[in-house]
Amino acid sequence: MPASTTSAAPSVTGRRTRDEKYDERRGQLADSALQTLGELGYARTSLREIAQNSPFSHGVVHYYFAGKDELIIYCVQRYKAACVTRYDELVATSTTPSELADRFCDKLVETLRDEAPLHRLWYDLRSQALFEDALRADVVEIDRALEAMIWRVLTRYAELAGRAPAFDSPLSYALLDGLFEQAVVAHAAGEPAALALLGERASRVLPTLLSPVVGTRRRP
């Protein structure tokens, strides 16, 4: 009936608006918390510490997040949701294997240079998930999304090169992720060559992740 449809519409719209406002405030809190989390790490950060380094009171932070783990997971999920599409534009627009490789390596260096605290937080959180049951499922989910991101790059790189990946997705991800984590540690330690070495090493590793060209033999 028209009358019931008219009366229901404002209610649905109102609920959606409240949800949007709630999500917006959680996003604002998460964005504010990320800097503190990236600087102090998981173990040294509390909700009170986050509130002291943000425009929000401790009570407001606690209203939107029941505890530290909930806030941290939300922060990392929010950040990684943007990260996992970071290379999709390169995959879609690169037309040669060398172009894709160069742009991928440049982007690796760029993200470490510009977002190092957030990468430190991610590796910290992934280590903590070995001991914290509350973190484990979300960390595994994020890690799988990052693996899929790398696999999209590698399979397109292989396609452009007319070759096939030399390894499966988990191993390919482990090799590149290990290289990136090593660079994150070096950069955190103040190694002046960390960024340059990341780009140079990534450019050397990428071709080894492809199978040999058909018709060629590996040297004995």
C-alpha atoms as a PDB file:
ATOM      1  CA  MET A   1       0.000   0.000   0.000  1.00  0.00           C
ATOM      2  CA  PRO A   2       1.258   3.511  -0.783  1.00  0.00           C
ATOM      3  CA  ALA A   3       0.737   4.720   2.787  1.00  0.00           C
ATOM      4  CA  SER A   4       2.930   2.025   4.334  1.00  0.00           C
ATOM      5  CA  THR A   5       5.658   2.542   1.709  1.00  0.00           C
ATOM      6  CA  THR A   6       5.782   6.258   2.447  1.00  0.00           C
ATOM      7  CA  SER A   7       6.021   5.748   6.199  1.00  0.00           C
ATOM      8  CA  ALA A   8       8.766   3.115   5.909  1.00  0.00           C
ATOM      9  CA  ALA A   9      11.096   5.131   3.682  1.00  0.00           C
ATOM     10  CA  PRO A  10      12.170   7.791   6.207  1.00  0.00           C
ATOM     11  CA  SER A  11      12.924   5.103   8.799  1.00  0.00           C
ATOM     12  CA  VAL A  12      15.204   3.181   6.443  1.00  0.00           C
ATOM     13  CA  THR A  13      16.896   6.386   5.325  1.00  0.00           C
ATOM     14  CA  GLY A  14      17.345   7.478   8.941  1.00  0.00           C
ATOM     15  CA  ARG A  15      18.993   4.220   9.956  1.00  0.00           C
ATOM     16  CA  ARG A  16      21.350   4.408   6.993  1.00  0.00           C
ATOM     17  CA  THR A  17      22.303   7.968   7.852  1.00  0.00           C
ATOM     18  CA  ARG A  18      23.068   7.048  11.468  1.00  0.00           C
ATOM     19  CA  ASP A  19      25.146   4.108  10.326  1.00  0.00           C
ATOM     20  CA  GLU A  20      27.069   6.304   7.944  1.00  0.00           C
ATOM     21  CA  LYS A  21      27.749   8.842  10.674  1.00  0.00           C
ATOM     22  CA  TYR A  22      28.851   6.102  13.041  1.00  0.00           C
ATOM     23  CA  ASP A  23      31.195   4.606  10.434  1.00  0.00           C
ATOM     24  CA  GLU A  24      32.532   8.048   9.575  1.00  0.00           C
ATOM     25  CA  ARG A  25      33.448   8.752  13.185  1.00  0.00           C
ATOM     26  CA  ARG A  26      35.104   5.339  13.550  1.00  0.00           C
ATOM     27  CA  GLY A  27      37.091   6.121  10.425  1.00  0.00           C
ATOM     28  CA  GLN A  28      38.173   9.480  11.833  1.00  0.00           C
ATOM     29  CA  LEU A  29      39.278   7.820  15.060  1.00  0.00           C
ATOM     30  CA  ALA A  30      41.175   5.142  13.154  1.00  0.00           C
ATOM     31  CA  ASP A  31      42.967   7.666  10.959  1.00  0.00           C
ATOM     32  CA  SER A  32      43.950   9.625  14.046  1.00  0.00           C
ATOM     33  CA  ALA A  33      45.135   6.490  15.851  1.00  0.00           C
ATOM     34  CA  LEU A  34      47.267   5.133  13.013  1.00  0.00           C
ATOM     35  CA  GLN A  35      50.081   7.620  13.527  1.00  0.00           C
ATOM     36  CA  THR A  36      50.359   6.819  17.229  1.00  0.00           C
ATOM     37  CA  LEU A  37      50.169   3.092  16.582  1.00  0.00           C
ATOM     38  CA  GLY A  38      52.816   3.322  13.882  1.00  0.00           C
ATOM     39  CA  GLU A  39      55.172   5.203  16.178  1.00  0.00           C
ATOM     40  CA  LEU A  40      54.667   3.195  19.384  1.00  0.00           C
ATOM     41  CA  GLY A  41      53.679  -0.260  18.158  1.00  0.00           C
ATOM     42  CA  TYR A  42      51.121  -2.700  19.498  1.00  0.00           C
ATOM     43  CA  ALA A  43      52.495  -3.387  22.973  1.00  0.00           C
ATOM     44  CA  ARG A  44      53.179   0.234  23.922  1.00  0.00           C
ATOM     45  CA  THR A  45      49.864   1.686  22.742  1.00  0.00           C
ATOM     46  CA  SER A  46      46.696   1.939  24.825  1.00  0.00           C
ATOM     47  CA  LEU A  47      43.352   3.594  24.133  1.00  0.00           C
ATOM     48  CA  ARG A  48      44.345   6.347  26.562  1.00  0.00           C
ATOM     49  CA  GLU A  49      47.628   6.888  24.700  1.00  0.00           C
ATOM     50  CA  ILE A  50      45.736   7.118  21.419  1.00  0.00           C
ATOM     51  CA  ALA A  51      43.300   9.638  22.905  1.00  0.00           C
ATOM     52  CA  GLN A  52      46.151  11.780  24.253  1.00  0.00           C
ATOM     53  CA  ASN A  53      47.612  12.029  20.757  1.00  0.00           C
ATOM     54  CA  SER A  54      44.331  12.777  18.999  1.00  0.00           C
ATOM     55  CA  PRO A  55      41.561  15.388  19.060  1.00  0.00           C
ATOM     56  CA  PHE A  56      39.249  12.847  20.752  1.00  0.00           C
ATOM     57  CA  SER A  57      38.764  12.137  24.450  1.00  0.00           C
ATOM     58  CA  HIS A  58      39.405   8.739  25.978  1.00  0.00           C
ATOM     59  CA  GLY A  59      35.676   8.364  26.542  1.00  0.00           C
ATOM     60  CA  VAL A  60      34.880   8.984  22.885  1.00  0.00           C
ATOM     61  CA  VAL A  61      37.508   6.483  21.750  1.00  0.00           C
ATOM     62  CA  HIS A  62      36.163   3.877  24.168  1.00  0.00           C
ATOM     63  CA  TYR A  63      32.595   4.502  23.021  1.00  0.00           C
ATOM     64  CA  TYR A  64      33.393   3.576  19.433  1.00  0.00           C
ATOM     65  CA  PHE A  65      35.890   0.786  20.186  1.00  0.00           C
ATOM     66  CA  ALA A  66      35.515  -1.699  23.024  1.00  0.00           C
ATOM     67  CA  GLY A  67      39.250  -2.207  23.379  1.00  0.00           C
ATOM     68  CA  LYS A  68      42.677  -1.765  21.871  1.00  0.00           C
ATOM     69  CA  ASP A  69      42.579  -4.909  19.746  1.00  0.00           C
ATOM     70  CA  GLU A  70      39.300  -3.892  18.104  1.00  0.00           C
ATOM     71  CA  LEU A  71      40.659  -0.448  17.263  1.00  0.00           C
ATOM     72  CA  ILE A  72      43.990  -1.741  15.958  1.00  0.00           C
ATOM     73  CA  ILE A  73      42.401  -4.357  13.745  1.00  0.00           C
ATOM     74  CA  TYR A  74      39.981  -1.759  12.392  1.00  0.00           C
ATOM     75  CA  CYS A  75      42.865   0.620  11.691  1.00  0.00           C
ATOM     76  CA  VAL A  76      44.924  -1.960   9.839  1.00  0.00           C
ATOM     77  CA  GLN A  77      41.935  -3.266   7.884  1.00  0.00           C
ATOM     78  CA  ARG A  78      41.102   0.279   6.844  1.00  0.00           C
ATOM     79  CA  TYR A  79      44.664   0.970   5.748  1.00  0.00           C
ATOM     80  CA  LYS A  80      45.189  -2.355   4.017  1.00  0.00           C
ATOM     81  CA  ALA A  81      41.862  -2.045   2.186  1.00  0.00           C
ATOM     82  CA  ALA A  82      43.475   0.827   0.312  1.00  0.00           C
ATOM     83  CA  CYS A  83      46.845  -0.936   0.078  1.00  0.00           C
ATOM     84  CA  VAL A  84      45.553  -4.082  -1.602  1.00  0.00           C
ATOM     85  CA  THR A  85      44.506  -2.096  -4.662  1.00  0.00           C
ATOM     86  CA  ARG A  86      47.713  -0.050  -4.735  1.00  0.00           C
ATOM     87  CA  TYR A  87      49.170  -1.849  -7.756  1.00  0.00           C
ATOM     88  CA  ASP A  88      45.980  -2.515  -9.715  1.00  0.00           C
ATOM     89  CA  GLU A  89      46.390   0.603 -11.866  1.00  0.00           C
ATOM     90  CA  LEU A  90      49.916  -0.502 -12.789  1.00  0.00           C
ATOM     91  CA  VAL A  91      48.645  -3.951 -13.716  1.00  0.00           C
ATOM     92  CA  ALA A  92      45.870  -2.494 -15.849  1.00  0.00           C
ATOM     93  CA  THR A  93      47.928   0.089 -17.759  1.00  0.00           C
ATOM     94  CA  SER A  94      51.428  -1.365 -18.169  1.00  0.00           C
ATOM     95  CA  THR A  95      52.027  -2.702 -21.673  1.00  0.00           C
ATOM     96  CA  THR A  96      55.458  -4.347 -21.384  1.00  0.00           C
ATOM     97  CA  PRO A  97      57.061  -6.496 -18.694  1.00  0.00           C
ATOM     98  CA  SER A  98      59.855  -3.994 -18.128  1.00  0.00           C
ATOM     99  CA  GLU A  99      57.374  -1.148 -17.692  1.00  0.00           C
ATOM    100  CA  LEU A 100      55.361  -3.084 -15.122  1.00  0.00           C
ATOM    101  CA  ALA A 101      58.499  -4.189 -13.277  1.00  0.00           C
ATOM    102  CA  ASP A 102      59.913  -0.668 -13.139  1.00  0.00           C
ATOM    103  CA  ARG A 103      56.660   0.866 -11.948  1.00  0.00           C
ATOM    104  CA  PHE A 104      56.129  -1.861  -9.373  1.00  0.00           C
ATOM    105  CA  CYS A 105      59.609  -1.400  -7.918  1.00  0.00           C
ATOM    106  CA  ASP A 106      59.177   2.376  -7.854  1.00  0.00           C
ATOM    107  CA  LYS A 107      55.875   1.989  -6.023  1.00  0.00           C
ATOM    108  CA  LEU A 108      57.440  -0.336  -3.454  1.00  0.00           C
ATOM    109  CA  VAL A 109      60.058   2.284  -2.683  1.00  0.00           C
ATOM    110  CA  GLU A 110      57.459   5.057  -2.592  1.00  0.00           C
ATOM    111  CA  THR A 111      55.189   3.315  -0.115  1.00  0.00           C
ATOM    112  CA  LEU A 112      58.071   2.519   2.227  1.00  0.00           C
ATOM    113  CA  ARG A 113      59.317   6.097   2.045  1.00  0.00           C
ATOM    114  CA  ASP A 114      55.906   7.672   2.619  1.00  0.00           C
ATOM    115  CA  GLU A 115      54.174   5.182   4.920  1.00  0.00           C
ATOM    116  CA  ALA A 116      56.930   3.474   6.909  1.00  0.00           C
ATOM    117  CA  PRO A 117      55.168   3.721  10.335  1.00  0.00           C
ATOM    118  CA  LEU A 118      52.115   1.937   8.967  1.00  0.00           C
ATOM    119  CA  HIS A 119      54.209  -0.865   7.514  1.00  0.00           C
ATOM    120  CA  ARG A 120      56.008  -1.244  10.845  1.00  0.00           C
ATOM    121  CA  LEU A 121      52.612  -1.505  12.533  1.00  0.00           C
ATOM    122  CA  TRP A 122      51.512  -4.216  10.095  1.00  0.00           C
ATOM    123  CA  TYR A 123      54.559  -6.406  10.703  1.00  0.00           C
ATOM    124  CA  ASP A 124      54.270  -5.819  14.439  1.00  0.00           C
ATOM    125  CA  LEU A 125      50.628  -6.854  14.368  1.00  0.00           C
ATOM    126  CA  ARG A 126      51.377  -9.937  12.284  1.00  0.00           C
ATOM    127  CA  SER A 127      53.972 -11.045  14.842  1.00  0.00           C
ATOM    128  CA  GLN A 128      51.602 -10.375  17.743  1.00  0.00           C
ATOM    129  CA  ALA A 129      48.976 -12.586  16.075  1.00  0.00           C
ATOM    130  CA  LEU A 130      51.215 -15.575  16.836  1.00  0.00           C
ATOM    131  CA  PHE A 131      50.345 -15.040  20.499  1.00  0.00           C
ATOM    132  CA  GLU A 132      47.059 -13.090  20.496  1.00  0.00           C
ATOM    133  CA  ASP A 133      44.040 -15.186  19.477  1.00  0.00           C
ATOM    134  CA  ALA A 134      41.919 -12.049  19.094  1.00  0.00           C
ATOM    135  CA  LEU A 135      44.131 -10.801  16.274  1.00  0.00           C
ATOM    136  CA  ARG A 136      44.799 -13.999  14.380  1.00  0.00           C
ATOM    137  CA  ALA A 137      41.773 -14.365  12.106  1.00  0.00           C
ATOM    138  CA  ASP A 138      41.875 -10.750  10.934  1.00  0.00           C
ATOM    139  CA  VAL A 139      45.617 -10.827  10.348  1.00  0.00           C
ATOM    140  CA  VAL A 140      45.306 -14.013   8.282  1.00  0.00           C
ATOM    141  CA  GLU A 141      42.538 -12.409   6.213  1.00  0.00           C
ATOM    142  CA  ILE A 142      44.624  -9.294   5.550  1.00  0.00           C
ATOM    143  CA  ASP A 143      47.681 -11.380   4.704  1.00  0.00           C
ATOM    144  CA  ARG A 144      45.707 -13.359   2.135  1.00  0.00           C
ATOM    145  CA  ALA A 145      44.485 -10.145   0.535  1.00  0.00           C
ATOM    146  CA  LEU A 146      48.069  -8.900   0.264  1.00  0.00           C
ATOM    147  CA  GLU A 147      49.142 -12.201  -1.254  1.00  0.00           C
ATOM    148  CA  ALA A 148      46.378 -11.896  -3.852  1.00  0.00           C
ATOM    149  CA  MET A 149      47.564  -8.356  -4.630  1.00  0.00           C
ATOM    150  CA  ILE A 150      51.103  -9.567  -5.324  1.00  0.00           C
ATOM    151  CA  TRP A 151      49.808 -12.483  -7.378  1.00  0.00           C
ATOM    152  CA  ARG A 152      47.873 -10.103  -9.647  1.00  0.00           C
ATOM    153  CA  VAL A 153      51.071  -8.192 -10.325  1.00  0.00           C
ATOM    154  CA  LEU A 154      53.131 -11.313 -10.935  1.00  0.00           C
ATOM    155  CA  THR A 155      50.661 -13.063 -13.215  1.00  0.00           C
ATOM    156  CA  ARG A 156      50.300  -9.937 -15.353  1.00  0.00           C
ATOM    157  CA  TYR A 157      54.079  -9.572 -15.434  1.00  0.00           C
ATOM    158  CA  ALA A 158      54.361 -13.187 -16.591  1.00  0.00           C
ATOM    159  CA  GLU A 159      51.645 -12.677 -19.199  1.00  0.00           C
ATOM    160  CA  LEU A 160      53.394  -9.630 -20.653  1.00  0.00           C
ATOM    161  CA  ALA A 161      56.674 -11.558 -20.736  1.00  0.00           C
ATOM    162  CA  GLY A 162      55.087 -14.544 -22.477  1.00  0.00           C
ATOM    163  CA  ARG A 163      56.117 -16.801 -19.612  1.00  0.00           C
ATOM    164  CA  ALA A 164      54.618 -18.413 -16.551  1.00  0.00           C
ATOM    165  CA  PRO A 165      55.202 -17.831 -12.845  1.00  0.00           C
ATOM    166  CA  ALA A 166      57.992 -20.052 -11.588  1.00  0.00           C
ATOM    167  CA  PHE A 167      56.359 -20.530  -8.178  1.00  0.00           C
ATOM    168  CA  ASP A 168      52.881 -20.659  -6.734  1.00  0.00           C
ATOM    169  CA  SER A 169      51.179 -17.690  -5.121  1.00  0.00           C
ATOM    170  CA  PRO A 170      52.182 -18.324  -1.460  1.00  0.00           C
ATOM    171  CA  LEU A 171      55.860 -18.785  -2.268  1.00  0.00           C
ATOM    172  CA  SER A 172      55.992 -15.798  -4.624  1.00  0.00           C
ATOM    173  CA  TYR A 173      54.387 -13.634  -1.951  1.00  0.00           C
ATOM    174  CA  ALA A 174      56.749 -14.915   0.727  1.00  0.00           C
ATOM    175  CA  LEU A 175      59.795 -14.019  -1.367  1.00  0.00           C
ATOM    176  CA  LEU A 176      58.676 -10.470  -2.139  1.00  0.00           C
ATOM    177  CA  ASP A 177      57.177  -9.850   1.286  1.00  0.00           C
ATOM    178  CA  GLY A 178      60.379 -11.006   2.957  1.00  0.00           C
ATOM    179  CA  LEU A 179      62.343  -8.588   0.819  1.00  0.00           C
ATOM    180  CA  PHE A 180      60.006  -5.739   1.735  1.00  0.00           C
ATOM    181  CA  GLU A 181      60.016  -6.566   5.452  1.00  0.00           C
ATOM    182  CA  GLN A 182      63.817  -6.587   5.409  1.00  0.00           C
ATOM    183  CA  ALA A 183      63.728  -3.102   3.885  1.00  0.00           C
ATOM    184  CA  VAL A 184      61.231  -1.909   6.510  1.00  0.00           C
ATOM    185  CA  VAL A 185      63.575  -3.062   9.273  1.00  0.00           C
ATOM    186  CA  ALA A 186      66.587  -1.401   7.623  1.00  0.00           C
ATOM    187  CA  HIS A 187      64.668   1.833   7.090  1.00  0.00           C
ATOM    188  CA  ALA A 188      63.514   1.846  10.730  1.00  0.00           C
ATOM    189  CA  ALA A 189      67.133   1.407  11.785  1.00  0.00           C
ATOM    190  CA  GLY A 190      68.097   4.496   9.804  1.00  0.00           C
ATOM    191  CA  GLU A 191      69.989   2.727   7.034  1.00  0.00           C
ATOM    192  CA  PRO A 192      70.517   5.470   4.419  1.00  0.00           C
ATOM    193  CA  ALA A 193      70.566   3.009   1.517  1.00  0.00           C
ATOM    194  CA  ALA A 194      67.418   1.105   2.532  1.00  0.00           C
ATOM    195  CA  LEU A 195      65.148   2.637  -0.094  1.00  0.00           C
ATOM    196  CA  ALA A 196      67.612   2.353  -2.950  1.00  0.00           C
ATOM    197  CA  LEU A 197      68.447  -1.234  -2.026  1.00  0.00           C
ATOM    198  CA  LEU A 198      64.766  -2.167  -1.945  1.00  0.00           C
ATOM    199  CA  GLY A 199      64.241  -0.937  -5.493  1.00  0.00           C
ATOM    200  CA  GLU A 200      67.435  -2.545  -6.770  1.00  0.00           C
ATOM    201  CA  ARG A 201      66.821  -5.903  -5.100  1.00  0.00           C
ATOM    202  CA  ALA A 202      63.177  -6.049  -6.144  1.00  0.00           C
ATOM    203  CA  SER A 203      64.162  -5.434  -9.762  1.00  0.00           C
ATOM    204  CA  ARG A 204      66.622  -8.335  -9.534  1.00  0.00           C
ATOM    205  CA  VAL A 205      64.199 -10.703  -7.849  1.00  0.00           C
ATOM    206  CA  LEU A 206      61.198 -10.177 -10.128  1.00  0.00           C
ATOM    207  CA  PRO A 207      62.655 -11.925 -13.225  1.00  0.00           C
ATOM    208  CA  THR A 208      63.607 -14.938 -11.099  1.00  0.00           C
ATOM    209  CA  LEU A 209      59.924 -15.411 -10.239  1.00  0.00           C
ATOM    210  CA  LEU A 210      59.202 -16.310 -13.872  1.00  0.00           C
ATOM    211  CA  SER A 211      59.821 -19.689 -15.462  1.00  0.00           C
ATOM    212  CA  PRO A 212      62.585 -19.960 -18.107  1.00  0.00           C
ATOM    213  CA  VAL A 213      61.709 -18.935 -21.646  1.00  0.00           C
ATOM    214  CA  VAL A 214      60.486 -21.937 -23.628  1.00  0.00           C
ATOM    215  CA  GLY A 215      63.306 -23.412 -25.701  1.00  0.00           C
ATOM    216  CA  THR A 216      66.109 -22.270 -23.397  1.00  0.00           C
ATOM    217  CA  ARG A 217      68.035 -24.304 -20.901  1.00  0.00           C
ATOM    218  CA  ARG A 218      69.303 -23.397 -17.506  1.00  0.00           C
ATOM    219  CA  ARG A 219      73.055 -23.619 -17.160  1.00  0.00           C
ATOM    220  CA  PRO A 220      74.184 -26.730 -15.314  1.00  0.00           C
END
